Protein backbone atom coordinates (compact mmCIF):
# COMPACT_ATOMS: atom_id res chain seq x y z
CA MET A 1 7.79 62.67 117.90
CA LYS A 2 11.06 64.63 118.12
CA ILE A 3 10.47 66.08 114.65
CA MET A 4 7.04 67.37 115.66
CA LYS A 5 8.52 69.00 118.75
CA LYS A 6 11.20 70.65 116.60
CA PHE A 7 8.53 72.01 114.22
CA GLU A 8 6.54 73.37 117.17
CA ASP A 9 9.67 75.13 118.46
CA ILE A 10 10.39 76.62 115.01
CA PHE A 11 6.84 77.94 114.63
CA ALA A 12 6.89 79.37 118.15
CA ALA A 13 10.23 81.04 117.40
CA ALA A 14 8.77 82.56 114.24
CA ALA A 15 5.88 83.99 116.25
CA PHE A 16 8.30 85.57 118.73
CA ALA A 17 10.39 86.99 115.86
CA GLU A 18 7.28 88.54 114.27
CA GLU A 19 6.62 90.35 117.56
CA GLY A 20 10.18 91.69 117.71
CA GLU A 21 11.39 89.26 120.38
CA PHE A 22 14.47 88.29 118.37
CA GLU A 23 16.58 87.04 121.29
CA THR A 24 13.79 84.71 122.46
CA ALA A 25 13.33 83.42 118.92
CA ARG A 26 17.08 82.83 118.54
CA GLU A 27 17.20 80.86 121.80
CA MET A 28 14.26 78.70 120.76
CA VAL A 29 15.82 77.82 117.41
CA LYS A 30 19.22 77.20 118.97
CA GLY A 31 17.71 74.61 121.25
CA ARG A 32 17.40 74.20 124.95
CA GLN A 33 20.38 73.66 127.19
CA THR A 34 20.17 72.13 130.63
CA VAL A 35 22.57 71.65 133.51
CA LEU A 36 21.81 68.73 135.81
CA LEU A 37 22.69 69.29 139.48
CA ALA A 38 22.81 66.29 141.80
CA LEU A 39 22.51 67.04 145.51
CA THR A 40 23.77 64.50 148.02
CA GLY A 41 22.52 66.01 151.28
CA ARG A 42 25.90 67.21 152.46
CA GLU A 43 26.94 70.71 153.50
CA SER A 44 28.78 71.24 150.23
CA ASP A 45 25.48 71.10 148.29
CA ARG A 46 25.35 74.89 148.62
CA LYS A 47 28.69 75.20 146.82
CA SER A 48 27.57 72.83 144.05
CA PHE A 49 24.31 74.76 143.65
CA THR A 50 26.12 78.10 143.38
CA TYR A 51 28.48 76.69 140.77
CA ALA A 52 25.60 75.22 138.72
CA MET A 53 23.53 78.41 138.96
CA ASN A 54 26.45 80.57 137.78
CA ILE A 55 27.05 78.28 134.81
CA CYS A 56 23.35 78.44 133.90
CA LYS A 57 23.50 82.25 133.92
CA ARG A 58 26.62 82.26 131.72
CA ILE A 59 25.38 79.86 129.06
CA GLY A 60 21.66 80.67 129.27
CA ALA A 61 20.69 77.18 130.38
CA GLY A 62 17.96 75.84 132.60
CA LEU A 63 18.71 73.84 135.73
CA GLU A 64 17.39 70.45 136.75
CA ILE A 65 18.04 69.32 140.29
CA VAL A 66 17.91 65.70 141.42
CA TYR A 67 18.16 64.88 145.11
CA VAL A 68 17.38 62.25 147.71
CA LEU A 69 15.24 63.59 150.54
CA ASN A 70 17.07 63.13 153.83
CA GLY A 71 15.38 65.30 156.39
CA SER A 72 13.86 68.71 156.86
CA GLU A 73 17.21 70.44 156.24
CA MET A 74 17.04 69.36 152.59
CA VAL A 75 13.49 70.72 152.26
CA SER A 76 14.62 74.07 153.65
CA LEU A 77 17.64 74.11 151.34
CA MET A 78 15.47 73.33 148.30
CA ASP A 79 13.17 76.24 149.21
CA GLN A 80 16.18 78.57 149.35
CA PHE A 81 17.47 77.28 146.00
CA GLN A 82 14.08 77.80 144.35
CA ASP A 83 13.94 81.39 145.62
CA GLU A 84 17.40 82.11 144.21
CA LEU A 85 16.56 80.54 140.84
CA LYS A 86 13.38 82.60 140.57
CA LYS A 87 15.29 85.76 141.46
CA GLU A 88 17.86 85.02 138.74
CA ASN A 89 15.16 84.06 136.19
CA ILE A 90 16.65 80.62 135.61
CA PRO A 91 14.12 78.00 134.52
CA TYR A 92 14.31 74.93 136.73
CA GLU A 93 12.80 71.56 137.54
CA ILE A 94 13.31 69.55 140.70
CA PHE A 95 13.18 65.77 140.98
CA GLN A 96 13.18 63.91 144.27
CA VAL A 97 14.49 60.37 143.81
CA ASN A 98 14.53 57.26 145.93
CA GLY A 99 17.53 54.98 145.89
CA SER A 100 20.80 55.56 144.10
CA ILE A 101 21.36 59.10 142.91
CA LYS A 102 24.20 57.86 140.71
CA GLU A 103 21.85 55.51 138.83
CA GLU A 104 19.29 58.30 138.52
CA ILE A 105 21.91 60.62 136.99
CA ILE A 106 22.97 58.02 134.44
CA ASN A 107 19.35 57.16 133.55
CA HIS A 108 18.38 60.85 133.34
CA THR A 109 21.24 61.78 130.99
CA GLU A 110 20.80 58.67 128.87
CA LYS A 111 17.40 59.88 127.66
CA ARG A 112 18.27 63.54 127.14
CA SER A 113 20.41 65.30 124.55
CA ASP A 114 19.87 68.78 126.02
CA ILE A 115 21.84 68.11 129.22
CA ARG A 116 25.24 69.75 128.70
CA PHE A 117 26.82 68.39 131.87
CA VAL A 118 26.20 67.15 135.38
CA VAL A 119 27.39 69.04 138.46
CA ILE A 120 27.94 67.03 141.62
CA GLU A 121 30.12 67.22 144.68
CA SER A 122 32.95 64.82 145.35
CA SER A 123 31.65 62.09 147.62
CA ASP A 124 32.92 58.67 148.65
CA ASN A 125 29.50 57.09 148.28
CA LEU A 126 29.39 58.11 144.59
CA ASN A 127 32.71 56.44 143.74
CA ILE A 128 34.22 59.73 142.62
CA ASP A 129 37.95 59.94 143.08
CA CYS A 130 39.35 63.44 142.55
CA LYS A 131 43.03 62.77 143.19
CA LYS A 132 45.31 64.83 140.98
CA ASP A 133 47.05 61.73 139.61
CA ASN A 134 43.76 60.11 138.57
CA THR A 135 43.83 60.13 134.77
CA THR A 136 40.80 57.98 133.95
CA PRO A 137 37.21 58.38 135.12
CA PRO A 138 35.91 55.77 137.55
CA LYS A 139 34.30 52.79 135.80
CA ALA A 140 31.08 53.41 137.70
CA TRP A 141 30.43 56.51 135.57
CA GLU A 142 31.08 54.97 132.14
CA GLY A 143 27.37 55.07 131.24
CA LEU A 144 27.17 58.84 131.61
CA LYS A 145 26.34 60.52 128.29
CA CYS A 146 27.73 63.97 129.11
CA PRO A 147 30.63 65.54 131.02
CA LEU A 148 30.70 65.22 134.81
CA VAL A 149 31.79 68.33 136.74
CA VAL A 150 32.92 67.45 140.24
CA VAL A 151 32.85 70.25 142.82
CA MET A 152 35.23 69.62 145.68
CA GLU A 153 34.83 70.86 149.19
CA GLY A 154 37.47 73.47 150.11
CA GLY A 155 40.50 72.42 152.13
CA LYS A 156 40.80 68.88 150.78
């Protein structure tokens, strides 16, 4: 199945190259890159989103957002994020999850080789410890198949 998808991408890239769209063809052959953003429903989600969006612009990646719905504030925030992503021409997908966002992140990255890293804010309920003397990642994140970028709230 993966081989067929790769062939489809190569043929599509060839078609773009024939039409003079060399940059599009190059990106298709290079492969897709994705940044996974996990939103926790806290005020610092805005900071995490901005960080993830800027990284996507720099590396030419798409953005996938996973979040747990916790009120109308999150719906409003998601609308704002979608508007900004459209304005910046960043491809995106949004997934609302029920239950543990940590488990969803691990499951999501386990199946995907195109996810370059996960962006998430530091939060006690995610078992993320960002102390400067912490030299090993928390055991709870051992199943993660890509780097974890932890965005900390200012002033901590």
